[in-house]
Amino acid sequence: MPEDTTQRRRRAPAMSPEDRREAIVAATVPLLFAHGANVTTSQIAKAAGIAEGTVFRAFKDKQELIHTCVRSVLAVDSELELIEQARRAKTLPDRLSWAISAVSSYLDRMWQLVSVLRDSGYDPHGEREHKGPPAEMQRISEQVASLFGPDDDLRVDPSLAARLLLGLVFTNRMQGKGFGDSTADTDQLVELFLHGVLRGNAVDEGER
């Protein structure tokens, strides 16, 4: 005789509080991008497949849930892993292209989140505390700096080279509102970073 639904539920292992929180965050993040801070706990519960009251057993209030979601979105662990994988590339241009792709994805995600939160009347800067984007970008910068090797013949130290590269990536993502509509693709950005905007050979030190 087949077991009933109640028996199956009793057999299913219960989620730990931390697993439950992570599951709710995973269900909430897409809603946060769609609705900003205007997302309702009813929408969250439906997306997570739980009762609305479960949301408040896992989190003190919606503010705490949004705060947790923002920190999750702004985390750069996956980007750091991608940049680490860039070490597999044999040439510096290939390593930098890999890093630029990772950083660009992070910037797009961060700016999209900040925009939707602001539009819904939520102050995203309040979420930064001491672990916000500046700190995360510092981690990215350190990881990018590690991609430069002793054979790359840098004219500046690797940390400065990484900061300059990230500056190019940052400004390259800024479009409209006085910034213009043209952007460089990843390969162009690497070329511009390594060789500048002038055609022909680089200027020798003695010609400066």
N, C-alpha and C. Protein backbone atom coordinates (compact mmCIF):
# COMPACT_ATOMS: atom_id res chain seq x y z
N MET A 1 0.86 -1.20 0.00
CA MET A 1 0.00 0.00 0.00
C MET A 1 0.89 1.24 0.00
N PRO A 2 0.67 2.17 -0.93
CA PRO A 2 1.55 3.35 -1.00
C PRO A 2 1.44 4.22 0.24
N GLU A 3 2.58 4.79 0.66
CA GLU A 3 2.56 5.65 1.83
C GLU A 3 1.94 6.99 1.49
N ASP A 4 1.28 7.61 2.46
CA ASP A 4 0.61 8.88 2.21
C ASP A 4 1.59 10.04 2.29
N THR A 5 1.08 11.23 1.95
CA THR A 5 1.95 12.42 1.92
C THR A 5 2.53 12.72 3.29
N THR A 6 1.73 12.51 4.35
CA THR A 6 2.20 12.79 5.71
C THR A 6 3.40 11.93 6.05
N GLN A 7 3.35 10.64 5.67
CA GLN A 7 4.46 9.75 5.94
C GLN A 7 5.73 10.19 5.20
N ARG A 8 5.56 10.61 3.94
CA ARG A 8 6.72 11.06 3.16
C ARG A 8 7.35 12.30 3.78
N ARG A 9 6.50 13.22 4.28
CA ARG A 9 7.02 14.44 4.90
C ARG A 9 7.80 14.11 6.17
N ARG A 10 7.29 13.12 6.93
CA ARG A 10 7.98 12.75 8.16
C ARG A 10 9.34 12.14 7.87
N ARG A 11 9.44 11.48 6.73
CA ARG A 11 10.70 10.83 6.37
C ARG A 11 11.72 11.82 5.82
N ALA A 12 11.27 12.94 5.25
CA ALA A 12 12.18 13.91 4.64
C ALA A 12 13.01 14.59 5.72
N PRO A 13 14.31 14.66 5.54
CA PRO A 13 15.15 15.32 6.54
C PRO A 13 14.84 16.81 6.63
N ALA A 14 14.82 17.31 7.83
CA ALA A 14 14.53 18.73 8.04
C ALA A 14 15.75 19.56 7.67
N MET A 15 15.48 20.74 7.13
CA MET A 15 16.57 21.66 6.79
C MET A 15 17.13 22.27 8.07
N SER A 16 18.43 22.47 8.08
CA SER A 16 19.03 23.20 9.19
C SER A 16 18.65 24.66 9.05
N PRO A 17 18.69 25.44 10.14
CA PRO A 17 18.36 26.87 10.05
C PRO A 17 19.20 27.60 9.01
N GLU A 18 20.49 27.24 8.92
CA GLU A 18 21.36 27.92 7.96
C GLU A 18 21.00 27.55 6.53
N ASP A 19 20.69 26.27 6.32
CA ASP A 19 20.27 25.83 4.98
C ASP A 19 18.97 26.51 4.58
N ARG A 20 18.06 26.65 5.55
CA ARG A 20 16.79 27.30 5.27
C ARG A 20 17.01 28.76 4.89
N ARG A 21 17.89 29.44 5.60
CA ARG A 21 18.19 30.84 5.28
C ARG A 21 18.78 30.95 3.88
N GLU A 22 19.71 30.06 3.56
CA GLU A 22 20.35 30.10 2.23
C GLU A 22 19.32 29.85 1.13
N ALA A 23 18.39 28.94 1.37
CA ALA A 23 17.36 28.65 0.37
C ALA A 23 16.45 29.86 0.16
N ILE A 24 16.12 30.54 1.23
CA ILE A 24 15.26 31.73 1.12
C ILE A 24 16.00 32.84 0.39
N VAL A 25 17.27 33.02 0.70
CA VAL A 25 18.07 34.04 0.00
C VAL A 25 18.14 33.73 -1.49
N ALA A 26 18.38 32.47 -1.83
CA ALA A 26 18.48 32.07 -3.24
C ALA A 26 17.17 32.36 -3.98
N ALA A 27 16.04 32.18 -3.31
CA ALA A 27 14.74 32.46 -3.94
C ALA A 27 14.45 33.95 -4.01
N THR A 28 15.01 34.72 -3.07
CA THR A 28 14.72 36.15 -2.99
C THR A 28 15.54 36.99 -3.95
N VAL A 29 16.79 36.60 -4.20
CA VAL A 29 17.69 37.42 -5.02
C VAL A 29 17.09 37.77 -6.39
N PRO A 30 16.57 36.80 -7.16
CA PRO A 30 15.96 37.16 -8.46
C PRO A 30 14.80 38.14 -8.30
N LEU A 31 14.03 37.99 -7.22
CA LEU A 31 12.91 38.90 -6.97
C LEU A 31 13.42 40.30 -6.63
N LEU A 32 14.56 40.35 -5.96
CA LEU A 32 15.15 41.64 -5.60
C LEU A 32 15.58 42.40 -6.84
N PHE A 33 16.12 41.69 -7.83
CA PHE A 33 16.50 42.33 -9.09
C PHE A 33 15.27 42.79 -9.87
N ALA A 34 14.17 42.08 -9.71
CA ALA A 34 12.94 42.42 -10.45
C ALA A 34 12.13 43.52 -9.77
N HIS A 35 12.08 43.50 -8.45
CA HIS A 35 11.19 44.42 -7.72
C HIS A 35 11.90 45.36 -6.77
N GLY A 36 13.18 45.18 -6.57
CA GLY A 36 13.87 45.99 -5.59
C GLY A 36 13.35 45.70 -4.20
N ALA A 37 13.42 46.71 -3.33
CA ALA A 37 12.97 46.54 -1.96
C ALA A 37 11.46 46.44 -1.85
N ASN A 38 10.75 46.61 -2.96
CA ASN A 38 9.29 46.50 -2.94
C ASN A 38 8.80 45.05 -2.99
N VAL A 39 9.72 44.11 -3.11
CA VAL A 39 9.32 42.70 -3.11
C VAL A 39 8.62 42.40 -1.79
N THR A 40 7.58 41.59 -1.85
CA THR A 40 6.81 41.28 -0.64
C THR A 40 7.22 39.91 -0.09
N THR A 41 6.97 39.73 1.21
CA THR A 41 7.29 38.44 1.82
C THR A 41 6.38 37.35 1.25
N SER A 42 5.21 37.73 0.77
CA SER A 42 4.32 36.76 0.13
C SER A 42 4.95 36.25 -1.16
N GLN A 43 5.52 37.15 -1.96
CA GLN A 43 6.20 36.74 -3.18
C GLN A 43 7.41 35.86 -2.87
N ILE A 44 8.13 36.23 -1.81
CA ILE A 44 9.32 35.47 -1.42
C ILE A 44 8.92 34.05 -1.00
N ALA A 45 7.89 33.96 -0.17
CA ALA A 45 7.44 32.66 0.31
C ALA A 45 7.00 31.77 -0.85
N LYS A 46 6.28 32.35 -1.79
CA LYS A 46 5.82 31.58 -2.96
C LYS A 46 7.00 31.08 -3.78
N ALA A 47 7.98 31.95 -4.00
CA ALA A 47 9.16 31.56 -4.79
C ALA A 47 9.98 30.49 -4.08
N ALA A 48 10.01 30.54 -2.75
CA ALA A 48 10.79 29.58 -1.97
C ALA A 48 10.02 28.30 -1.68
N GLY A 49 8.71 28.32 -1.97
CA GLY A 49 7.89 27.15 -1.71
C GLY A 49 7.66 26.89 -0.23
N ILE A 50 7.52 27.97 0.54
CA ILE A 50 7.33 27.83 1.99
C ILE A 50 6.18 28.72 2.43
N ALA A 51 5.77 28.54 3.67
CA ALA A 51 4.76 29.42 4.24
C ALA A 51 5.38 30.77 4.56
N GLU A 52 4.58 31.83 4.49
CA GLU A 52 5.11 33.17 4.73
C GLU A 52 5.71 33.30 6.12
N GLY A 53 5.13 32.62 7.08
CA GLY A 53 5.64 32.70 8.44
C GLY A 53 7.05 32.13 8.57
N THR A 54 7.39 31.20 7.68
CA THR A 54 8.73 30.61 7.72
C THR A 54 9.80 31.65 7.43
N VAL A 55 9.46 32.64 6.59
CA VAL A 55 10.41 33.71 6.28
C VAL A 55 10.80 34.44 7.56
N PHE A 56 9.82 34.69 8.42
CA PHE A 56 10.08 35.46 9.64
C PHE A 56 10.65 34.59 10.76
N ARG A 57 10.60 33.29 10.59
CA ARG A 57 11.31 32.44 11.54
C ARG A 57 12.79 32.34 11.18
N ALA A 58 13.08 32.53 9.90
CA ALA A 58 14.48 32.48 9.45
C ALA A 58 15.16 33.83 9.56
N PHE A 59 14.40 34.90 9.37
CA PHE A 59 14.95 36.26 9.42
C PHE A 59 14.09 37.12 10.34
N LYS A 60 14.74 38.05 11.02
CA LYS A 60 14.04 38.92 11.96
C LYS A 60 12.95 39.71 11.27
N ASP A 61 13.26 40.25 10.08
CA ASP A 61 12.28 41.01 9.31
C ASP A 61 12.75 41.07 7.85
N LYS A 62 11.97 41.71 7.01
CA LYS A 62 12.34 41.79 5.59
C LYS A 62 13.62 42.58 5.39
N GLN A 63 13.86 43.55 6.25
CA GLN A 63 15.08 44.36 6.16
C GLN A 63 16.32 43.48 6.30
N GLU A 64 16.29 42.57 7.28
CA GLU A 64 17.43 41.68 7.48
C GLU A 64 17.60 40.75 6.29
N LEU A 65 16.50 40.28 5.71
CA LEU A 65 16.56 39.41 4.54
C LEU A 65 17.17 40.14 3.36
N ILE A 66 16.73 41.36 3.11
CA ILE A 66 17.29 42.14 2.00
C ILE A 66 18.77 42.40 2.23
N HIS A 67 19.12 42.73 3.45
CA HIS A 67 20.53 42.97 3.80
C HIS A 67 21.38 41.74 3.48
N THR A 68 20.87 40.57 3.83
CA THR A 68 21.59 39.33 3.58
C THR A 68 21.70 39.06 2.08
N CYS A 69 20.63 39.34 1.36
CA CYS A 69 20.64 39.14 -0.10
C CYS A 69 21.65 40.06 -0.77
N VAL A 70 21.70 41.30 -0.34
CA VAL A 70 22.63 42.26 -0.94
C VAL A 70 24.07 41.81 -0.72
N ARG A 71 24.37 41.37 0.49
CA ARG A 71 25.73 40.88 0.75
C ARG A 71 26.05 39.67 -0.11
N SER A 72 25.05 38.83 -0.34
CA SER A 72 25.24 37.65 -1.19
C SER A 72 25.55 38.05 -2.62
N VAL A 73 24.80 39.03 -3.14
CA VAL A 73 24.99 39.48 -4.52
C VAL A 73 26.35 40.16 -4.69
N LEU A 74 26.77 40.91 -3.68
CA LEU A 74 28.02 41.66 -3.78
C LEU A 74 29.26 40.82 -3.47
N ALA A 75 29.06 39.60 -3.05
CA ALA A 75 30.21 38.72 -2.79
C ALA A 75 30.94 38.44 -4.11
N VAL A 76 32.25 38.32 -4.03
CA VAL A 76 33.06 38.14 -5.24
C VAL A 76 33.79 36.81 -5.29
N ASP A 77 33.34 35.85 -4.50
CA ASP A 77 34.03 34.57 -4.46
C ASP A 77 34.11 33.91 -5.83
N SER A 78 33.01 33.95 -6.58
CA SER A 78 33.02 33.31 -7.90
C SER A 78 33.94 34.05 -8.86
N GLU A 79 33.99 35.39 -8.77
CA GLU A 79 34.89 36.16 -9.63
C GLU A 79 36.35 35.88 -9.28
N LEU A 80 36.64 35.78 -7.99
CA LEU A 80 38.01 35.48 -7.58
C LEU A 80 38.44 34.10 -8.10
N GLU A 81 37.51 33.17 -8.10
CA GLU A 81 37.81 31.84 -8.61
C GLU A 81 38.10 31.89 -10.11
N LEU A 82 37.32 32.69 -10.84
CA LEU A 82 37.53 32.82 -12.28
C LEU A 82 38.89 33.45 -12.58
N ILE A 83 39.24 34.47 -11.80
CA ILE A 83 40.53 35.12 -12.01
C ILE A 83 41.66 34.16 -11.67
N GLU A 84 41.46 33.35 -10.65
CA GLU A 84 42.46 32.34 -10.29
C GLU A 84 42.65 31.36 -11.45
N GLN A 85 41.54 31.00 -12.09
CA GLN A 85 41.62 30.07 -13.23
C GLN A 85 42.34 30.70 -14.43
N ALA A 86 42.40 32.04 -14.46
CA ALA A 86 43.08 32.72 -15.56
C ALA A 86 44.56 32.38 -15.60
N ARG A 87 45.09 31.88 -14.50
CA ARG A 87 46.51 31.51 -14.47
C ARG A 87 46.83 30.42 -15.49
N ARG A 88 45.79 29.69 -15.92
CA ARG A 88 46.00 28.62 -16.89
C ARG A 88 46.42 29.17 -18.26
N ALA A 89 46.02 30.41 -18.54
CA ALA A 89 46.35 30.99 -19.83
C ALA A 89 47.85 31.20 -19.94
N LYS A 90 48.40 30.96 -21.11
CA LYS A 90 49.84 31.01 -21.28
C LYS A 90 50.38 32.43 -21.45
N THR A 91 49.57 33.34 -22.03
CA THR A 91 50.06 34.68 -22.29
C THR A 91 49.38 35.70 -21.39
N LEU A 92 50.06 36.82 -21.15
CA LEU A 92 49.50 37.88 -20.33
C LEU A 92 48.21 38.44 -20.91
N PRO A 93 48.13 38.74 -22.23
CA PRO A 93 46.86 39.24 -22.77
C PRO A 93 45.69 38.29 -22.52
N ASP A 94 45.93 36.99 -22.63
CA ASP A 94 44.85 36.03 -22.38
C ASP A 94 44.46 36.02 -20.91
N ARG A 95 45.43 36.13 -20.02
CA ARG A 95 45.13 36.16 -18.58
C ARG A 95 44.32 37.40 -18.23
N LEU A 96 44.70 38.53 -18.83
CA LEU A 96 43.98 39.77 -18.54
C LEU A 96 42.58 39.76 -19.14
N SER A 97 42.41 39.17 -20.30
CA SER A 97 41.08 39.06 -20.91
C SER A 97 40.15 38.27 -20.00
N TRP A 98 40.67 37.20 -19.45
CA TRP A 98 39.89 36.37 -18.55
C TRP A 98 39.47 37.18 -17.32
N ALA A 99 40.42 37.94 -16.77
CA ALA A 99 40.13 38.74 -15.58
C ALA A 99 39.12 39.84 -15.89
N ILE A 100 39.27 40.49 -17.04
CA ILE A 100 38.35 41.56 -17.42
C ILE A 100 36.92 41.05 -17.52
N SER A 101 36.74 39.88 -18.09
CA SER A 101 35.41 39.30 -18.21
C SER A 101 34.79 39.08 -16.84
N ALA A 102 35.58 38.59 -15.90
CA ALA A 102 35.08 38.35 -14.55
C ALA A 102 34.70 39.66 -13.86
N VAL A 103 35.57 40.66 -13.97
CA VAL A 103 35.31 41.95 -13.32
C VAL A 103 34.11 42.65 -13.94
N SER A 104 34.00 42.58 -15.26
CA SER A 104 32.88 43.23 -15.94
C SER A 104 31.55 42.63 -15.50
N SER A 105 31.51 41.33 -15.34
CA SER A 105 30.28 40.66 -14.89
C SER A 105 29.92 41.13 -13.48
N TYR A 106 30.93 41.27 -12.63
CA TYR A 106 30.67 41.73 -11.27
C TYR A 106 30.14 43.17 -11.25
N LEU A 107 30.77 44.04 -12.02
CA LEU A 107 30.34 45.43 -12.06
C LEU A 107 28.91 45.55 -12.57
N ASP A 108 28.59 44.80 -13.62
CA ASP A 108 27.23 44.85 -14.16
C ASP A 108 26.22 44.38 -13.12
N ARG A 109 26.55 43.31 -12.40
CA ARG A 109 25.64 42.79 -11.37
C ARG A 109 25.48 43.80 -10.24
N MET A 110 26.59 44.38 -9.80
CA MET A 110 26.54 45.33 -8.70
C MET A 110 25.74 46.56 -9.08
N TRP A 111 26.01 47.12 -10.26
CA TRP A 111 25.30 48.33 -10.67
C TRP A 111 23.82 48.08 -10.90
N GLN A 112 23.48 46.92 -11.43
CA GLN A 112 22.07 46.59 -11.64
C GLN A 112 21.34 46.54 -10.30
N LEU A 113 21.97 45.91 -9.32
CA LEU A 113 21.35 45.81 -8.00
C LEU A 113 21.20 47.19 -7.37
N VAL A 114 22.26 47.98 -7.40
CA VAL A 114 22.20 49.33 -6.81
C VAL A 114 21.10 50.15 -7.46
N SER A 115 20.98 50.05 -8.78
CA SER A 115 19.97 50.83 -9.51
C SER A 115 18.56 50.44 -9.10
N VAL A 116 18.27 49.15 -9.06
CA VAL A 116 16.91 48.72 -8.74
C VAL A 116 16.58 49.02 -7.28
N LEU A 117 17.56 48.94 -6.39
CA LEU A 117 17.30 49.27 -4.99
C LEU A 117 17.01 50.76 -4.84
N ARG A 118 17.79 51.58 -5.51
CA ARG A 118 17.56 53.03 -5.44
C ARG A 118 16.19 53.40 -5.99
N ASP A 119 15.83 52.77 -7.11
CA ASP A 119 14.53 53.06 -7.72
C ASP A 119 13.37 52.69 -6.82
N SER A 120 13.60 51.73 -5.93
CA SER A 120 12.53 51.32 -5.01
C SER A 120 12.63 52.03 -3.67
N GLY A 121 13.49 53.06 -3.60
CA GLY A 121 13.59 53.87 -2.39
C GLY A 121 14.46 53.29 -1.30
N TYR A 122 15.32 52.36 -1.66
CA TYR A 122 16.18 51.70 -0.67
C TYR A 122 17.60 52.23 -0.83
N ASP A 123 18.28 52.51 0.27
CA ASP A 123 19.65 53.04 0.21
C ASP A 123 20.65 51.89 0.20
N PRO A 124 21.21 51.57 -0.96
CA PRO A 124 22.16 50.45 -1.01
C PRO A 124 23.46 50.74 -0.29
N HIS A 125 23.78 52.03 -0.10
CA HIS A 125 25.04 52.36 0.57
C HIS A 125 25.01 51.94 2.03
N GLY A 126 23.81 51.84 2.59
CA GLY A 126 23.70 51.40 3.97
C GLY A 126 24.10 49.95 4.14
N GLU A 127 24.16 49.21 3.05
CA GLU A 127 24.51 47.79 3.12
C GLU A 127 26.02 47.58 3.11
N ARG A 128 26.77 48.59 2.77
CA ARG A 128 28.20 48.36 2.54
C ARG A 128 28.97 48.13 3.83
N GLU A 129 28.63 48.89 4.87
CA GLU A 129 29.35 48.81 6.12
C GLU A 129 30.86 48.81 5.83
N HIS A 130 31.55 47.81 6.34
CA HIS A 130 32.99 47.73 6.09
C HIS A 130 33.32 46.62 5.10
N LYS A 131 32.27 46.01 4.52
CA LYS A 131 32.50 44.87 3.64
C LYS A 131 31.86 45.07 2.28
N GLY A 132 31.57 46.31 1.92
CA GLY A 132 30.86 46.57 0.68
C GLY A 132 31.77 46.51 -0.53
N PRO A 133 31.27 47.01 -1.67
CA PRO A 133 32.02 46.95 -2.92
C PRO A 133 33.47 47.41 -2.85
N PRO A 134 33.79 48.52 -2.13
CA PRO A 134 35.21 48.91 -2.11
C PRO A 134 36.11 47.80 -1.59
N ALA A 135 35.70 47.12 -0.52
CA ALA A 135 36.51 46.03 0.03
C ALA A 135 36.57 44.87 -0.93
N GLU A 136 35.45 44.56 -1.58
CA GLU A 136 35.43 43.46 -2.53
C GLU A 136 36.29 43.77 -3.75
N MET A 137 36.25 45.01 -4.20
CA MET A 137 37.09 45.40 -5.32
C MET A 137 38.57 45.33 -4.95
N GLN A 138 38.87 45.58 -3.68
CA GLN A 138 40.26 45.44 -3.23
C GLN A 138 40.71 44.00 -3.37
N ARG A 139 39.84 43.07 -3.02
CA ARG A 139 40.18 41.64 -3.16
C ARG A 139 40.38 41.28 -4.63
N ILE A 140 39.52 41.82 -5.48
CA ILE A 140 39.66 41.56 -6.91
C ILE A 140 40.97 42.14 -7.42
N SER A 141 41.29 43.36 -6.98
CA SER A 141 42.52 44.02 -7.44
C SER A 141 43.75 43.20 -7.05
N GLU A 142 43.75 42.67 -5.83
CA GLU A 142 44.88 41.86 -5.39
C GLU A 142 45.01 40.58 -6.22
N GLN A 143 43.85 40.01 -6.56
CA GLN A 143 43.88 38.79 -7.37
C GLN A 143 44.38 39.07 -8.79
N VAL A 144 43.94 40.20 -9.35
CA VAL A 144 44.39 40.58 -10.69
C VAL A 144 45.89 40.85 -10.69
N ALA A 145 46.38 41.51 -9.63
CA ALA A 145 47.81 41.81 -9.53
C ALA A 145 48.65 40.53 -9.57
N SER A 146 48.09 39.45 -9.04
CA SER A 146 48.84 38.20 -9.00
C SER A 146 48.97 37.55 -10.38
N LEU A 147 48.24 38.07 -11.37
CA LEU A 147 48.33 37.53 -12.73
C LEU A 147 49.58 38.01 -13.46
N PHE A 148 50.18 39.08 -12.95
CA PHE A 148 51.41 39.59 -13.58
C PHE A 148 52.60 38.81 -13.04
N GLY A 149 53.43 38.31 -13.94
CA GLY A 149 54.59 37.53 -13.54
C GLY A 149 55.89 38.28 -13.70
N PRO A 150 56.98 37.71 -13.20
CA PRO A 150 58.30 38.37 -13.29
C PRO A 150 58.80 38.54 -14.72
N ASP A 151 58.25 37.76 -15.64
CA ASP A 151 58.69 37.85 -17.03
C ASP A 151 57.88 38.85 -17.86
N ASP A 152 56.94 39.53 -17.23
CA ASP A 152 56.07 40.44 -17.98
C ASP A 152 56.69 41.83 -18.17
N ASP A 153 57.82 42.11 -17.53
CA ASP A 153 58.57 43.35 -17.74
C ASP A 153 57.69 44.58 -17.55
N LEU A 154 57.05 44.65 -16.37
CA LEU A 154 56.18 45.79 -16.06
C LEU A 154 56.99 47.04 -15.78
N ARG A 155 56.42 48.18 -16.14
CA ARG A 155 57.05 49.48 -15.86
C ARG A 155 56.59 50.02 -14.52
N VAL A 156 55.56 49.41 -13.93
CA VAL A 156 55.08 49.77 -12.60
C VAL A 156 54.91 48.48 -11.81
N ASP A 157 54.67 48.59 -10.50
CA ASP A 157 54.51 47.38 -9.72
C ASP A 157 53.15 46.74 -10.02
N PRO A 158 53.00 45.44 -9.80
CA PRO A 158 51.77 44.72 -10.16
C PRO A 158 50.50 45.29 -9.53
N SER A 159 50.59 45.78 -8.30
CA SER A 159 49.38 46.32 -7.65
C SER A 159 48.88 47.56 -8.37
N LEU A 160 49.79 48.43 -8.81
CA LEU A 160 49.38 49.61 -9.55
C LEU A 160 48.86 49.21 -10.93
N ALA A 161 49.51 48.28 -11.57
CA ALA A 161 49.05 47.81 -12.88
C ALA A 161 47.63 47.27 -12.78
N ALA A 162 47.35 46.52 -11.71
CA ALA A 162 46.01 45.97 -11.52
C ALA A 162 44.99 47.09 -11.32
N ARG A 163 45.33 48.08 -10.51
CA ARG A 163 44.42 49.21 -10.26
C ARG A 163 44.13 49.97 -11.55
N LEU A 164 45.16 50.18 -12.36
CA LEU A 164 44.97 50.90 -13.62
C LEU A 164 44.08 50.10 -14.57
N LEU A 165 44.28 48.79 -14.61
CA LEU A 165 43.44 47.95 -15.46
C LEU A 165 41.99 48.01 -15.00
N LEU A 166 41.77 47.90 -13.69
CA LEU A 166 40.40 47.95 -13.16
C LEU A 166 39.76 49.31 -13.42
N GLY A 167 40.58 50.37 -13.39
CA GLY A 167 40.05 51.69 -13.72
C GLY A 167 39.54 51.75 -15.15
N LEU A 168 40.28 51.14 -16.06
CA LEU A 168 39.83 51.09 -17.46
C LEU A 168 38.54 50.29 -17.59
N VAL A 169 38.50 49.15 -16.92
CA VAL A 169 37.29 48.31 -16.97
C VAL A 169 36.10 49.08 -16.42
N PHE A 170 36.31 49.75 -15.31
CA PHE A 170 35.23 50.51 -14.65
C PHE A 170 34.67 51.59 -15.59
N THR A 171 35.56 52.42 -16.13
CA THR A 171 35.09 53.51 -16.98
C THR A 171 34.53 52.99 -18.30
N ASN A 172 35.02 51.86 -18.76
CA ASN A 172 34.52 51.29 -20.01
C ASN A 172 33.08 50.83 -19.88
N ARG A 173 32.64 50.50 -18.65
CA ARG A 173 31.27 50.06 -18.44
C ARG A 173 30.31 51.23 -18.31
N MET A 174 30.82 52.45 -18.17
CA MET A 174 29.98 53.63 -17.97
C MET A 174 29.54 54.18 -19.32
N GLN A 175 28.23 54.17 -19.55
CA GLN A 175 27.69 54.65 -20.83
C GLN A 175 26.54 55.61 -20.57
N GLY A 176 26.28 56.46 -21.57
CA GLY A 176 25.17 57.39 -21.47
C GLY A 176 25.43 58.50 -20.46
N LYS A 177 24.51 59.44 -20.36
CA LYS A 177 24.57 60.54 -19.41
C LYS A 177 25.93 61.24 -19.45
N GLY A 178 26.37 61.57 -20.65
CA GLY A 178 27.62 62.31 -20.80
C GLY A 178 28.85 61.46 -20.99
N PHE A 179 28.72 60.15 -20.82
CA PHE A 179 29.88 59.29 -20.96
C PHE A 179 30.05 58.76 -22.38
N GLY A 180 29.02 58.88 -23.20
CA GLY A 180 29.08 58.37 -24.57
C GLY A 180 28.59 56.94 -24.65
N ASP A 181 28.40 56.48 -25.86
CA ASP A 181 27.84 55.15 -26.08
C ASP A 181 28.87 54.13 -26.56
N SER A 182 30.04 54.57 -26.96
CA SER A 182 31.04 53.63 -27.48
C SER A 182 31.80 52.97 -26.34
N THR A 183 32.08 51.69 -26.51
CA THR A 183 32.87 50.95 -25.53
C THR A 183 33.86 50.06 -26.26
N ALA A 184 34.89 49.66 -25.55
CA ALA A 184 35.87 48.73 -26.11
C ALA A 184 35.50 47.31 -25.69
N ASP A 185 35.68 46.36 -26.61
CA ASP A 185 35.45 44.98 -26.20
C ASP A 185 36.66 44.50 -25.40
N THR A 186 36.59 43.29 -24.90
CA THR A 186 37.63 42.80 -24.00
C THR A 186 39.02 42.82 -24.64
N ASP A 187 39.12 42.33 -25.88
CA ASP A 187 40.43 42.30 -26.55
C ASP A 187 40.97 43.71 -26.79
N GLN A 188 40.08 44.63 -27.17
CA GLN A 188 40.50 46.02 -27.36
C GLN A 188 40.99 46.63 -26.06
N LEU A 189 40.29 46.31 -24.98
CA LEU A 189 40.67 46.87 -23.68
C LEU A 189 42.06 46.38 -23.26
N VAL A 190 42.32 45.14 -23.49
CA VAL A 190 43.65 44.60 -23.17
C VAL A 190 44.71 45.28 -24.03
N GLU A 191 44.42 45.44 -25.30
CA GLU A 191 45.37 46.09 -26.21
C GLU A 191 45.64 47.53 -25.79
N LEU A 192 44.59 48.25 -25.44
CA LEU A 192 44.75 49.64 -25.00
C LEU A 192 45.52 49.72 -23.69
N PHE A 193 45.25 48.81 -22.80
CA PHE A 193 45.96 48.80 -21.51
C PHE A 193 47.44 48.53 -21.70
N LEU A 194 47.76 47.57 -22.53
CA LEU A 194 49.15 47.18 -22.69
C LEU A 194 49.95 48.10 -23.61
N HIS A 195 49.27 48.73 -24.59
CA HIS A 195 50.01 49.49 -25.60
C HIS A 195 49.52 50.92 -25.80
N GLY A 196 48.50 51.34 -25.10
CA GLY A 196 48.03 52.71 -25.21
C GLY A 196 47.11 52.95 -26.39
N VAL A 197 46.74 54.21 -26.59
CA VAL A 197 45.78 54.56 -27.64
C VAL A 197 46.45 55.05 -28.92
N LEU A 198 47.77 55.23 -28.89
CA LEU A 198 48.47 55.72 -30.07
C LEU A 198 48.78 54.58 -31.03
N ARG A 199 48.67 54.85 -32.31
CA ARG A 199 49.04 53.85 -33.32
C ARG A 199 50.56 53.77 -33.40
N GLY A 200 51.06 52.64 -33.85
CA GLY A 200 52.52 52.49 -34.03
C GLY A 200 53.20 52.06 -32.75
N ASN A 201 54.51 52.21 -32.75
CA ASN A 201 55.30 51.77 -31.60
C ASN A 201 55.16 52.72 -30.43
N ALA A 202 55.36 52.18 -29.23
CA ALA A 202 55.32 53.01 -28.03
C ALA A 202 56.49 53.97 -28.04
N VAL A 203 56.34 55.11 -27.38
CA VAL A 203 57.40 56.11 -27.31
C VAL A 203 58.49 55.63 -26.37
N ASP A 204 59.72 55.69 -26.83
CA ASP A 204 60.84 55.27 -26.00
C ASP A 204 61.03 56.26 -24.85
N GLU A 205 61.63 55.78 -23.78
CA GLU A 205 61.85 56.63 -22.64
C GLU A 205 62.67 57.86 -23.01
N GLY A 206 63.65 57.71 -23.90
CA GLY A 206 64.50 58.83 -24.25
C GLY A 206 63.81 59.89 -25.07
N GLU A 207 62.65 59.59 -25.62
CA GLU A 207 61.93 60.55 -26.46
C GLU A 207 60.92 61.36 -25.67
N ARG A 208 60.76 61.04 -24.39
CA ARG A 208 59.77 61.75 -23.60
C ARG A 208 60.30 63.11 -23.16
